Each structure stands twice: as structure tokens, then as C-alpha cells.
Amino acid sequence: MKNIRKLNLYHMYKWEIEELKFQIGKLIQLHRLKRQLSQLQLGNELNISSNHVGRIERAETNPTLESLLTICNFLEIDILYVFRKLNDEELKKIESEIDQLQRKFKNQNKRKS
């Protein structure tokens, strides 16, 4: 009988906590801005402080699983997506899109004043 090895379809990535927090924060920020929501508006919708939203987006704190699930459900982000390791190119694209959305968001708020 031949020794048959199972093909491993999934590559196990070992996260560093800071890079996971960074990726989660950027994905939340991107989806919040796509919905044209401020941190205050998102916090009010989810009954969490805008300061906490900001700390999550800046990777300064660990969101609990409960708050992460609440945010992902509200912003319609697949929770598995936030835990899929993005490569540097994907992260740079996300950061670029965030920059564009922030400029657009600030310009819209200036016109409302």
C-alpha cells in the first residue's frame, strides 16, 4: 500500500496580535466609510462609544468577540473575512481606499456646514 499524504488546502498562518488588530481595524474603518458613517454615528448605532470605535480602528485595543461580531453584522462584513490574512498589496489597497473615502467624507461634511 502506498503512503498517501493528504493535501493540505489551508495554509496555517500564525498571527502576531498587532497585525491582526491592524487588519481588523482597517477593515472596519473601510466598511464604515463606505457607508458614510462617522465613528460617532457607528458608535451610536451599536451602543458603543465613538472613542472605542476609534481605538479599534487604530489597533489600540482588542475588540471583544461580541463587539467584533456586532460591528461585522452591522457593517455586513463576513467575520471570516476579517480573520483571513491579507497580503501587503491588499492592505495597501485598503489603506488607499480609506484615504480616498476620508477625503470624500470630509468634503461632504464641509458642504453641510
PDB file of N, CA and C in Angstrom:
ATOM      1  N   MET A   1       0.833  -1.179   0.000  1.00  0.00           N
ATOM      2  CA  MET A   1       0.000   0.000   0.000  1.00  0.00           C
ATOM      3  C   MET A   1       0.882   1.249   0.000  1.00  0.00           C
ATOM      4  N   LYS A   2       0.519   2.174  -0.837  1.00  0.00           N
ATOM      5  CA  LYS A   2       1.298   3.410  -0.931  1.00  0.00           C
ATOM      6  C   LYS A   2       0.978   4.328   0.242  1.00  0.00           C
ATOM      7  N   ASN A   3       1.982   5.045   0.618  1.00  0.00           N
ATOM      8  CA  ASN A   3       1.797   6.050   1.668  1.00  0.00           C
ATOM      9  C   ASN A   3       1.242   7.310   1.004  1.00  0.00           C
ATOM     10  N   ILE A   4      -0.031   7.577   1.210  1.00  0.00           N
ATOM     11  CA  ILE A   4      -0.686   8.724   0.585  1.00  0.00           C
ATOM     12  C   ILE A   4      -0.820   9.838   1.615  1.00  0.00           C
ATOM     13  N   ARG A   5      -0.280  11.004   1.246  1.00  0.00           N
ATOM     14  CA  ARG A   5      -0.394  12.177   2.118  1.00  0.00           C
ATOM     15  C   ARG A   5      -1.611  12.981   1.713  1.00  0.00           C
ATOM     16  N   LYS A   6      -2.329  13.447   2.682  1.00  0.00           N
ATOM     17  CA  LYS A   6      -3.480  14.313   2.407  1.00  0.00           C
ATOM     18  C   LYS A   6      -2.976  15.677   1.967  1.00  0.00           C
ATOM     19  N   LEU A   7      -3.631  16.210   0.981  1.00  0.00           N
ATOM     20  CA  LEU A   7      -3.292  17.539   0.503  1.00  0.00           C
ATOM     21  C   LEU A   7      -3.872  18.566   1.468  1.00  0.00           C
ATOM     22  N   ASN A   8      -3.017  19.398   1.997  1.00  0.00           N
ATOM     23  CA  ASN A   8      -3.470  20.447   2.916  1.00  0.00           C
ATOM     24  C   ASN A   8      -3.886  21.658   2.089  1.00  0.00           C
ATOM     25  N   LEU A   9      -5.189  21.927   2.037  1.00  0.00           N
ATOM     26  CA  LEU A   9      -5.709  23.037   1.244  1.00  0.00           C
ATOM     27  C   LEU A   9      -5.613  24.370   1.970  1.00  0.00           C
ATOM     28  N   TYR A  10      -5.395  24.325   3.248  1.00  0.00           N
ATOM     29  CA  TYR A  10      -5.354  25.553   4.032  1.00  0.00           C
ATOM     30  C   TYR A  10      -3.960  25.756   4.602  1.00  0.00           C
ATOM     31  N   HIS A  11      -3.463  26.935   4.411  1.00  0.00           N
ATOM     32  CA  HIS A  11      -2.165  27.293   4.970  1.00  0.00           C
ATOM     33  C   HIS A  11      -2.400  27.929   6.331  1.00  0.00           C
ATOM     34  N   MET A  12      -1.806  27.364   7.331  1.00  0.00           N
ATOM     35  CA  MET A  12      -1.943  27.909   8.676  1.00  0.00           C
ATOM     36  C   MET A  12      -1.047  29.127   8.801  1.00  0.00           C
ATOM     37  N   TYR A  13      -1.663  30.257   9.089  1.00  0.00           N
ATOM     38  CA  TYR A  13      -0.890  31.474   9.290  1.00  0.00           C
ATOM     39  C   TYR A  13      -0.844  31.769  10.771  1.00  0.00           C
ATOM     40  N   LYS A  14       0.333  32.005  11.296  1.00  0.00           N
ATOM     41  CA  LYS A  14       0.479  32.348  12.709  1.00  0.00           C
ATOM     42  C   LYS A  14       0.517  33.865  12.833  1.00  0.00           C
ATOM     43  N   TRP A  15      -0.526  34.404  13.427  1.00  0.00           N
ATOM     44  CA  TRP A  15      -0.691  35.840  13.571  1.00  0.00           C
ATOM     45  C   TRP A  15       0.165  36.398  14.687  1.00  0.00           C
ATOM     46  N   GLU A  16       0.603  37.615  14.494  1.00  0.00           N
ATOM     47  CA  GLU A  16       1.090  38.453  15.593  1.00  0.00           C
ATOM     48  C   GLU A  16      -0.121  39.305  15.970  1.00  0.00           C
ATOM     49  N   ILE A  17      -0.350  39.517  17.243  1.00  0.00           N
ATOM     50  CA  ILE A  17      -1.570  40.208  17.688  1.00  0.00           C
ATOM     51  C   ILE A  17      -1.673  41.611  17.093  1.00  0.00           C
ATOM     52  N   GLU A  18      -0.567  42.314  16.976  1.00  0.00           N
ATOM     53  CA  GLU A  18      -0.612  43.684  16.452  1.00  0.00           C
ATOM     54  C   GLU A  18      -1.052  43.716  14.990  1.00  0.00           C
ATOM     55  N   GLU A  19      -0.597  42.754  14.188  1.00  0.00           N
ATOM     56  CA  GLU A  19      -1.007  42.757  12.784  1.00  0.00           C
ATOM     57  C   GLU A  19      -2.467  42.356  12.637  1.00  0.00           C
ATOM     58  N   LEU A  20      -2.963  41.477  13.497  1.00  0.00           N
ATOM     59  CA  LEU A  20      -4.379  41.119  13.461  1.00  0.00           C
ATOM     60  C   LEU A  20      -5.242  42.319  13.853  1.00  0.00           C
ATOM     61  N   LYS A  21      -4.844  43.016  14.927  1.00  0.00           N
ATOM     62  CA  LYS A  21      -5.589  44.206  15.343  1.00  0.00           C
ATOM     63  C   LYS A  21      -5.575  45.266  14.247  1.00  0.00           C
ATOM     64  N   PHE A  22      -4.431  45.438  13.579  1.00  0.00           N
ATOM     65  CA  PHE A  22      -4.310  46.412  12.492  1.00  0.00           C
ATOM     66  C   PHE A  22      -5.264  46.068  11.349  1.00  0.00           C
ATOM     67  N   GLN A  23      -5.248  44.806  10.930  1.00  0.00           N
ATOM     68  CA  GLN A  23      -6.108  44.384   9.825  1.00  0.00           C
ATOM     69  C   GLN A  23      -7.582  44.538  10.175  1.00  0.00           C
ATOM     70  N   ILE A  24      -7.977  44.118  11.350  1.00  0.00           N
ATOM     71  CA  ILE A  24      -9.374  44.254  11.773  1.00  0.00           C
ATOM     72  C   ILE A  24      -9.777  45.723  11.780  1.00  0.00           C
ATOM     73  N   GLY A  25      -8.926  46.568  12.331  1.00  0.00           N
ATOM     74  CA  GLY A  25      -9.225  47.996  12.393  1.00  0.00           C
ATOM     75  C   GLY A  25      -9.402  48.610  11.021  1.00  0.00           C
ATOM     76  N   LYS A  26      -8.512  48.275  10.099  1.00  0.00           N
ATOM     77  CA  LYS A  26      -8.588  48.834   8.746  1.00  0.00           C
ATOM     78  C   LYS A  26      -9.840  48.353   8.018  1.00  0.00           C
ATOM     79  N   LEU A  27     -10.197  47.099   8.193  1.00  0.00           N
ATOM     80  CA  LEU A  27     -11.400  46.586   7.529  1.00  0.00           C
ATOM     81  C   LEU A  27     -12.665  47.244   8.078  1.00  0.00           C
ATOM     82  N   ILE A  28     -12.719  47.442   9.384  1.00  0.00           N
ATOM     83  CA  ILE A  28     -13.863  48.121   9.983  1.00  0.00           C
ATOM     84  C   ILE A  28     -13.927  49.565   9.497  1.00  0.00           C
ATOM     85  N   GLN A  29     -12.788  50.237   9.503  1.00  0.00           N
ATOM     86  CA  GLN A  29     -12.749  51.630   9.046  1.00  0.00           C
ATOM     87  C   GLN A  29     -13.198  51.736   7.587  1.00  0.00           C
ATOM     88  N   LEU A  30     -12.716  50.847   6.741  1.00  0.00           N
ATOM     89  CA  LEU A  30     -13.088  50.863   5.327  1.00  0.00           C
ATOM     90  C   LEU A  30     -14.592  50.709   5.153  1.00  0.00           C
ATOM     91  N   HIS A  31     -15.175  49.734   5.808  1.00  0.00           N
ATOM     92  CA  HIS A  31     -16.608  49.480   5.635  1.00  0.00           C
ATOM     93  C   HIS A  31     -17.467  50.568   6.279  1.00  0.00           C
ATOM     94  N   ARG A  32     -16.969  51.154   7.367  1.00  0.00           N
ATOM     95  CA  ARG A  32     -17.691  52.289   7.977  1.00  0.00           C
ATOM     96  C   ARG A  32     -17.727  53.466   7.014  1.00  0.00           C
ATOM     97  N   LEU A  33     -16.583  53.784   6.422  1.00  0.00           N
ATOM     98  CA  LEU A  33     -16.506  54.912   5.491  1.00  0.00           C
ATOM     99  C   LEU A  33     -17.312  54.649   4.217  1.00  0.00           C
ATOM    100  N   LYS A  34     -17.335  53.403   3.748  1.00  0.00           N
ATOM    101  CA  LYS A  34     -18.143  53.067   2.575  1.00  0.00           C
ATOM    102  C   LYS A  34     -19.619  53.348   2.829  1.00  0.00           C
ATOM    103  N   ARG A  35     -20.039  53.217   4.084  1.00  0.00           N
ATOM    104  CA  ARG A  35     -21.428  53.506   4.454  1.00  0.00           C
ATOM    105  C   ARG A  35     -21.622  54.969   4.850  1.00  0.00           C
ATOM    106  N   GLN A  36     -20.556  55.748   4.705  1.00  0.00           N
ATOM    107  CA  GLN A  36     -20.573  57.178   5.011  1.00  0.00           C
ATOM    108  C   GLN A  36     -20.994  57.446   6.447  1.00  0.00           C
ATOM    109  N   LEU A  37     -20.434  56.670   7.360  1.00  0.00           N
ATOM    110  CA  LEU A  37     -20.713  56.832   8.779  1.00  0.00           C
ATOM    111  C   LEU A  37     -19.486  57.370   9.494  1.00  0.00           C
ATOM    112  N   SER A  38     -19.705  58.274  10.429  1.00  0.00           N
ATOM    113  CA  SER A  38     -18.619  58.725  11.299  1.00  0.00           C
ATOM    114  C   SER A  38     -18.454  57.685  12.413  1.00  0.00           C
ATOM    115  N   GLN A  39     -17.366  57.796  13.145  1.00  0.00           N
ATOM    116  CA  GLN A  39     -17.181  56.917  14.295  1.00  0.00           C
ATOM    117  C   GLN A  39     -18.300  57.136  15.312  1.00  0.00           C
ATOM    118  N   LEU A  40     -18.723  58.382  15.469  1.00  0.00           N
ATOM    119  CA  LEU A  40     -19.805  58.702  16.390  1.00  0.00           C
ATOM    120  C   LEU A  40     -21.108  58.029  15.949  1.00  0.00           C
ATOM    121  N   GLN A  41     -21.423  58.123  14.662  1.00  0.00           N
ATOM    122  CA  GLN A  41     -22.652  57.505  14.161  1.00  0.00           C
ATOM    123  C   GLN A  41     -22.636  55.987  14.334  1.00  0.00           C
ATOM    124  N   LEU A  42     -21.497  55.365  14.019  1.00  0.00           N
ATOM    125  CA  LEU A  42     -21.400  53.914  14.190  1.00  0.00           C
ATOM    126  C   LEU A  42     -21.538  53.544  15.659  1.00  0.00           C
ATOM    127  N   GLY A  43     -20.846  54.276  16.519  1.00  0.00           N
ATOM    128  CA  GLY A  43     -20.944  54.020  17.952  1.00  0.00           C
ATOM    129  C   GLY A  43     -22.375  54.149  18.457  1.00  0.00           C
ATOM    130  N   ASN A  44     -23.082  55.195  18.004  1.00  0.00           N
ATOM    131  CA  ASN A  44     -24.482  55.379  18.423  1.00  0.00           C
ATOM    132  C   ASN A  44     -25.362  54.231  17.951  1.00  0.00           C
ATOM    133  N   GLU A  45     -25.142  53.777  16.724  1.00  0.00           N
ATOM    134  CA  GLU A  45     -25.930  52.662  16.183  1.00  0.00           C
ATOM    135  C   GLU A  45     -25.725  51.379  16.981  1.00  0.00           C
ATOM    136  N   LEU A  46     -24.505  51.191  17.480  1.00  0.00           N
ATOM    137  CA  LEU A  46     -24.155  49.930  18.139  1.00  0.00           C
ATOM    138  C   LEU A  46     -24.088  50.040  19.658  1.00  0.00           C
ATOM    139  N   ASN A  47     -24.387  51.229  20.172  1.00  0.00           N
ATOM    140  CA  ASN A  47     -24.361  51.467  21.610  1.00  0.00           C
ATOM    141  C   ASN A  47     -22.961  51.243  22.209  1.00  0.00           C
ATOM    142  N   ILE A  48     -21.951  51.722  21.469  1.00  0.00           N
ATOM    143  CA  ILE A  48     -20.588  51.736  21.993  1.00  0.00           C
ATOM    144  C   ILE A  48     -20.043  53.145  21.774  1.00  0.00           C
ATOM    145  N   SER A  49     -19.028  53.522  22.505  1.00  0.00           N
ATOM    146  CA  SER A  49     -18.538  54.899  22.388  1.00  0.00           C
ATOM    147  C   SER A  49     -17.766  55.088  21.085  1.00  0.00           C
ATOM    148  N   SER A  50     -17.817  56.300  20.583  1.00  0.00           N
ATOM    149  CA  SER A  50     -17.053  56.621  19.372  1.00  0.00           C
ATOM    150  C   SER A  50     -15.555  56.498  19.645  1.00  0.00           C
ATOM    151  N   ASN A  51     -15.140  56.773  20.897  1.00  0.00           N
ATOM    152  CA  ASN A  51     -13.728  56.609  21.261  1.00  0.00           C
ATOM    153  C   ASN A  51     -13.296  55.154  21.126  1.00  0.00           C
ATOM    154  N   HIS A  52     -14.186  54.237  21.509  1.00  0.00           N
ATOM    155  CA  HIS A  52     -13.873  52.811  21.396  1.00  0.00           C
ATOM    156  C   HIS A  52     -13.774  52.403  19.927  1.00  0.00           C
ATOM    157  N   VAL A  53     -14.676  52.903  19.101  1.00  0.00           N
ATOM    158  CA  VAL A  53     -14.621  52.637  17.662  1.00  0.00           C
ATOM    159  C   VAL A  53     -13.275  53.111  17.120  1.00  0.00           C
ATOM    160  N   GLY A  54     -12.871  54.311  17.480  1.00  0.00           N
ATOM    161  CA  GLY A  54     -11.595  54.859  17.027  1.00  0.00           C
ATOM    162  C   GLY A  54     -10.403  54.030  17.478  1.00  0.00           C
ATOM    163  N   ARG A  55     -10.436  53.578  18.732  1.00  0.00           N
ATOM    164  CA  ARG A  55      -9.323  52.759  19.241  1.00  0.00           C
ATOM    165  C   ARG A  55      -9.240  51.430  18.504  1.00  0.00           C
ATOM    166  N   ILE A  56     -10.389  50.846  18.162  1.00  0.00           N
ATOM    167  CA  ILE A  56     -10.389  49.599  17.390  1.00  0.00           C
ATOM    168  C   ILE A  56      -9.804  49.855  16.008  1.00  0.00           C
ATOM    169  N   GLU A  57     -10.253  50.928  15.362  1.00  0.00           N
ATOM    170  CA  GLU A  57      -9.770  51.240  14.013  1.00  0.00           C
ATOM    171  C   GLU A  57      -8.277  51.549  13.992  1.00  0.00           C
ATOM    172  N   ARG A  58      -7.758  52.131  15.057  1.00  0.00           N
ATOM    173  CA  ARG A  58      -6.324  52.459  15.129  1.00  0.00           C
ATOM    174  C   ARG A  58      -5.496  51.317  15.729  1.00  0.00           C
ATOM    175  N   ALA A  59      -6.135  50.183  15.989  1.00  0.00           N
ATOM    176  CA  ALA A  59      -5.471  48.990  16.539  1.00  0.00           C
ATOM    177  C   ALA A  59      -4.874  49.252  17.920  1.00  0.00           C
ATOM    178  N   GLU A  60      -5.535  50.100  18.696  1.00  0.00           N
ATOM    179  CA  GLU A  60      -5.059  50.419  20.041  1.00  0.00           C
ATOM    180  C   GLU A  60      -5.695  49.538  21.105  1.00  0.00           C
ATOM    181  N   THR A  61      -6.700  48.755  20.723  1.00  0.00           N
ATOM    182  CA  THR A  61      -7.383  47.892  21.680  1.00  0.00           C
ATOM    183  C   THR A  61      -7.848  46.629  20.982  1.00  0.00           C
ATOM    184  N   ASN A  62      -8.108  45.621  21.783  1.00  0.00           N
ATOM    185  CA  ASN A  62      -8.660  44.367  21.268  1.00  0.00           C
ATOM    186  C   ASN A  62     -10.177  44.421  21.401  1.00  0.00           C
ATOM    187  N   PRO A  63     -10.907  44.341  20.288  1.00  0.00           N
ATOM    188  CA  PRO A  63     -12.362  44.254  20.443  1.00  0.00           C
ATOM    189  C   PRO A  63     -12.715  42.877  20.989  1.00  0.00           C
ATOM    190  N   THR A  64     -13.737  42.824  21.829  1.00  0.00           N
ATOM    191  CA  THR A  64     -14.207  41.513  22.274  1.00  0.00           C
ATOM    192  C   THR A  64     -14.843  40.814  21.078  1.00  0.00           C
ATOM    193  N   LEU A  65     -14.990  39.516  21.168  1.00  0.00           N
ATOM    194  CA  LEU A  65     -15.670  38.785  20.094  1.00  0.00           C
ATOM    195  C   LEU A  65     -17.097  39.301  19.924  1.00  0.00           C
ATOM    196  N   GLU A  66     -17.730  39.618  21.036  1.00  0.00           N
ATOM    197  CA  GLU A  66     -19.092  40.135  20.986  1.00  0.00           C
ATOM    198  C   GLU A  66     -19.156  41.462  20.226  1.00  0.00           C
ATOM    199  N   SER A  67     -18.258  42.397  20.547  1.00  0.00           N
ATOM    200  CA  SER A  67     -18.301  43.687  19.850  1.00  0.00           C
ATOM    201  C   SER A  67     -17.867  43.537  18.399  1.00  0.00           C
ATOM    202  N   LEU A  68     -16.895  42.665  18.126  1.00  0.00           N
ATOM    203  CA  LEU A  68     -16.464  42.435  16.748  1.00  0.00           C
ATOM    204  C   LEU A  68     -17.601  41.854  15.917  1.00  0.00           C
ATOM    205  N   LEU A  69     -18.310  40.889  16.484  1.00  0.00           N
ATOM    206  CA  LEU A  69     -19.445  40.289  15.779  1.00  0.00           C
ATOM    207  C   LEU A  69     -20.555  41.315  15.549  1.00  0.00           C
ATOM    208  N   THR A  70     -20.818  42.147  16.542  1.00  0.00           N
ATOM    209  CA  THR A  70     -21.842  43.192  16.411  1.00  0.00           C
ATOM    210  C   THR A  70     -21.477  44.167  15.295  1.00  0.00           C
ATOM    211  N   ILE A  71     -20.220  44.601  15.273  1.00  0.00           N
ATOM    212  CA  ILE A  71     -19.757  45.534  14.241  1.00  0.00           C
ATOM    213  C   ILE A  71     -19.823  44.882  12.864  1.00  0.00           C
ATOM    214  N   CYS A  72     -19.313  43.655  12.766  1.00  0.00           N
ATOM    215  CA  CYS A  72     -19.324  42.950  11.477  1.00  0.00           C
ATOM    216  C   CYS A  72     -20.748  42.736  10.964  1.00  0.00           C
ATOM    217  N   ASN A  73     -21.643  42.351  11.834  1.00  0.00           N
ATOM    218  CA  ASN A  73     -23.045  42.162  11.417  1.00  0.00           C
ATOM    219  C   ASN A  73     -23.652  43.470  10.929  1.00  0.00           C
ATOM    220  N   PHE A  74     -23.411  44.550  11.659  1.00  0.00           N
ATOM    221  CA  PHE A  74     -23.985  45.841  11.276  1.00  0.00           C
ATOM    222  C   PHE A  74     -23.418  46.331   9.942  1.00  0.00           C
ATOM    223  N   LEU A  75     -22.099  46.192   9.760  1.00  0.00           N
ATOM    224  CA  LEU A  75     -21.456  46.669   8.532  1.00  0.00           C
ATOM    225  C   LEU A  75     -21.496  45.635   7.403  1.00  0.00           C
ATOM    226  N   GLU A  76     -22.099  44.488   7.704  1.00  0.00           N
ATOM    227  CA  GLU A  76     -22.232  43.391   6.734  1.00  0.00           C
ATOM    228  C   GLU A  76     -20.870  42.914   6.222  1.00  0.00           C
ATOM    229  N   ILE A  77     -19.974  42.668   7.174  1.00  0.00           N
ATOM    230  CA  ILE A  77     -18.651  42.102   6.887  1.00  0.00           C
ATOM    231  C   ILE A  77     -18.689  40.654   7.351  1.00  0.00           C
ATOM    232  N   ASP A  78     -18.305  39.732   6.492  1.00  0.00           N
ATOM    233  CA  ASP A  78     -18.210  38.330   6.889  1.00  0.00           C
ATOM    234  C   ASP A  78     -17.111  38.207   7.944  1.00  0.00           C
ATOM    235  N   ILE A  79     -17.457  37.692   9.092  1.00  0.00           N
ATOM    236  CA  ILE A  79     -16.487  37.604  10.193  1.00  0.00           C
ATOM    237  C   ILE A  79     -15.259  36.787   9.788  1.00  0.00           C
ATOM    238  N   LEU A  80     -15.439  35.823   8.914  1.00  0.00           N
ATOM    239  CA  LEU A  80     -14.292  35.033   8.456  1.00  0.00           C
ATOM    240  C   LEU A  80     -13.330  35.883   7.630  1.00  0.00           C
ATOM    241  N   TYR A  81     -13.853  36.891   6.943  1.00  0.00           N
ATOM    242  CA  TYR A  81     -13.019  37.767   6.127  1.00  0.00           C
ATOM    243  C   TYR A  81     -12.018  38.542   6.984  1.00  0.00           C
ATOM    244  N   VAL A  82     -12.435  38.993   8.155  1.00  0.00           N
ATOM    245  CA  VAL A  82     -11.516  39.765   8.994  1.00  0.00           C
ATOM    246  C   VAL A  82     -10.364  38.916   9.518  1.00  0.00           C
ATOM    247  N   PHE A  83     -10.555  37.596   9.559  1.00  0.00           N
ATOM    248  CA  PHE A  83      -9.505  36.714  10.051  1.00  0.00           C
ATOM    249  C   PHE A  83      -8.703  36.052   8.929  1.00  0.00           C
ATOM    250  N   ARG A  84      -9.030  36.375   7.678  1.00  0.00           N
ATOM    251  CA  ARG A  84      -8.245  35.862   6.551  1.00  0.00           C
ATOM    252  C   ARG A  84      -7.045  36.783   6.382  1.00  0.00           C
ATOM    253  N   LYS A  85      -5.858  36.225   6.424  1.00  0.00           N
ATOM    254  CA  LYS A  85      -4.642  37.042   6.343  1.00  0.00           C
ATOM    255  C   LYS A  85      -4.546  37.713   4.982  1.00  0.00           C
ATOM    256  N   LEU A  86      -4.563  39.040   4.998  1.00  0.00           N
ATOM    257  CA  LEU A  86      -4.404  39.816   3.771  1.00  0.00           C
ATOM    258  C   LEU A  86      -2.926  40.055   3.519  1.00  0.00           C
ATOM    259  N   ASN A  87      -2.537  40.052   2.261  1.00  0.00           N
ATOM    260  CA  ASN A  87      -1.128  40.316   1.959  1.00  0.00           C
ATOM    261  C   ASN A  87      -0.880  41.821   1.947  1.00  0.00           C
ATOM    262  N   ASP A  88       0.374  42.206   1.837  1.00  0.00           N
ATOM    263  CA  ASP A  88       0.746  43.626   1.887  1.00  0.00           C
ATOM    264  C   ASP A  88       0.068  44.437   0.793  1.00  0.00           C
ATOM    265  N   GLU A  89      -0.039  43.869  -0.386  1.00  0.00           N
ATOM    266  CA  GLU A  89      -0.671  44.577  -1.503  1.00  0.00           C
ATOM    267  C   GLU A  89      -2.156  44.841  -1.216  1.00  0.00           C
ATOM    268  N   GLU A  90      -2.842  43.840  -0.656  1.00  0.00           N
ATOM    269  CA  GLU A  90      -4.253  44.013  -0.308  1.00  0.00           C
ATOM    270  C   GLU A  90      -4.426  45.078   0.771  1.00  0.00           C
ATOM    271  N   LEU A  91      -3.547  45.071   1.765  1.00  0.00           N
ATOM    272  CA  LEU A  91      -3.632  46.069   2.834  1.00  0.00           C
ATOM    273  C   LEU A  91      -3.351  47.475   2.314  1.00  0.00           C
ATOM    274  N   LYS A  92      -2.384  47.611   1.414  1.00  0.00           N
ATOM    275  CA  LYS A  92      -2.084  48.928   0.834  1.00  0.00           C
ATOM    276  C   LYS A  92      -3.268  49.434   0.022  1.00  0.00           C
ATOM    277  N   LYS A  93      -3.930  48.542  -0.693  1.00  0.00           N
ATOM    278  CA  LYS A  93      -5.116  48.923  -1.468  1.00  0.00           C
ATOM    279  C   LYS A  93      -6.234  49.399  -0.536  1.00  0.00           C
ATOM    280  N   ILE A  94      -6.410  48.704   0.561  1.00  0.00           N
ATOM    281  CA  ILE A  94      -7.424  49.099   1.547  1.00  0.00           C
ATOM    282  C   ILE A  94      -7.085  50.462   2.139  1.00  0.00           C
ATOM    283  N   GLU A  95      -5.820  50.676   2.499  1.00  0.00           N
ATOM    284  CA  GLU A  95      -5.416  51.962   3.066  1.00  0.00           C
ATOM    285  C   GLU A  95      -5.600  53.094   2.061  1.00  0.00           C
ATOM    286  N   SER A  96      -5.323  52.833   0.805  1.00  0.00           N
ATOM    287  CA  SER A  96      -5.524  53.839  -0.243  1.00  0.00           C
ATOM    288  C   SER A  96      -7.003  54.176  -0.391  1.00  0.00           C
ATOM    289  N   GLU A  97      -7.841  53.160  -0.368  1.00  0.00           N
ATOM    290  CA  GLU A  97      -9.284  53.389  -0.472  1.00  0.00           C
ATOM    291  C   GLU A  97      -9.803  54.156   0.741  1.00  0.00           C
ATOM    292  N   ILE A  98      -9.266  53.851   1.915  1.00  0.00           N
ATOM    293  CA  ILE A  98      -9.645  54.584   3.130  1.00  0.00           C
ATOM    294  C   ILE A  98      -9.289  56.059   2.976  1.00  0.00           C
ATOM    295  N   ASP A  99      -8.086  56.355   2.489  1.00  0.00           N
ATOM    296  CA  ASP A  99      -7.662  57.747   2.293  1.00  0.00           C
ATOM    297  C   ASP A  99      -8.616  58.481   1.357  1.00  0.00           C
ATOM    298  N   GLN A 100      -8.988  57.848   0.259  1.00  0.00           N
ATOM    299  CA  GLN A 100      -9.916  58.463  -0.699  1.00  0.00           C
ATOM    300  C   GLN A 100     -11.279  58.705  -0.059  1.00  0.00           C
ATOM    301  N   LEU A 101     -11.784  57.710   0.668  1.00  0.00           N
ATOM    302  CA  LEU A 101     -13.095  57.847   1.309  1.00  0.00           C
ATOM    303  C   LEU A 101     -13.075  58.915   2.398  1.00  0.00           C
ATOM    304  N   GLN A 102     -11.965  59.025   3.140  1.00  0.00           N
ATOM    305  CA  GLN A 102     -11.865  60.053   4.180  1.00  0.00           C
ATOM    306  C   GLN A 102     -11.908  61.448   3.572  1.00  0.00           C
ATOM    307  N   ARG A 103     -11.187  61.647   2.471  1.00  0.00           N
ATOM    308  CA  ARG A 103     -11.213  62.958   1.806  1.00  0.00           C
ATOM    309  C   ARG A 103     -12.625  63.276   1.315  1.00  0.00           C
ATOM    310  N   LYS A 104     -13.282  62.304   0.723  1.00  0.00           N
ATOM    311  CA  LYS A 104     -14.642  62.494   0.223  1.00  0.00           C
ATOM    312  C   LYS A 104     -15.595  62.799   1.384  1.00  0.00           C
ATOM    313  N   PHE A 105     -15.453  62.056   2.477  1.00  0.00           N
ATOM    314  CA  PHE A 105     -16.301  62.226   3.649  1.00  0.00           C
ATOM    315  C   PHE A 105     -16.122  63.619   4.249  1.00  0.00           C
ATOM    316  N   LYS A 106     -14.861  64.078   4.354  1.00  0.00           N
ATOM    317  CA  LYS A 106     -14.584  65.409   4.913  1.00  0.00           C
ATOM    318  C   LYS A 106     -15.154  66.498   4.019  1.00  0.00           C
ATOM    319  N   ASN A 107     -15.025  66.340   2.706  1.00  0.00           N
ATOM    320  CA  ASN A 107     -15.574  67.327   1.771  1.00  0.00           C
ATOM    321  C   ASN A 107     -17.081  67.398   1.862  1.00  0.00           C
ATOM    322  N   GLN A 108     -17.747  66.257   2.026  1.00  0.00           N
ATOM    323  CA  GLN A 108     -19.206  66.261   2.151  1.00  0.00           C
ATOM    324  C   GLN A 108     -19.639  66.958   3.436  1.00  0.00           C
ATOM    325  N   ASN A 109     -18.912  66.746   4.506  1.00  0.00           N
ATOM    326  CA  ASN A 109     -19.242  67.381   5.778  1.00  0.00           C
ATOM    327  C   ASN A 109     -19.001  68.880   5.729  1.00  0.00           C
ATOM    328  N   LYS A 110     -17.996  69.332   4.971  1.00  0.00           N
ATOM    329  CA  LYS A 110     -17.729  70.774   4.838  1.00  0.00           C
ATOM    330  C   LYS A 110     -18.910  71.462   4.126  1.00  0.00           C
ATOM    331  N   ARG A 111     -19.446  70.779   3.117  1.00  0.00           N
ATOM    332  CA  ARG A 111     -20.567  71.366   2.356  1.00  0.00           C
ATOM    333  C   ARG A 111     -21.830  71.461   3.192  1.00  0.00           C
ATOM    334  N   LYS A 112     -21.976  70.548   4.175  1.00  0.00           N
ATOM    335  CA  LYS A 112     -23.173  70.561   5.020  1.00  0.00           C
ATOM    336  C   LYS A 112     -23.147  71.716   6.010  1.00  0.00           C
ATOM    337  N   SER A 113     -21.944  72.197   6.344  1.00  0.00           N
ATOM    338  CA  SER A 113     -21.796  73.262   7.358  1.00  0.00           C
ATOM    339  C   SER A 113     -22.280  74.594   6.859  1.00  0.00           C
TER     340      SER A 113
END
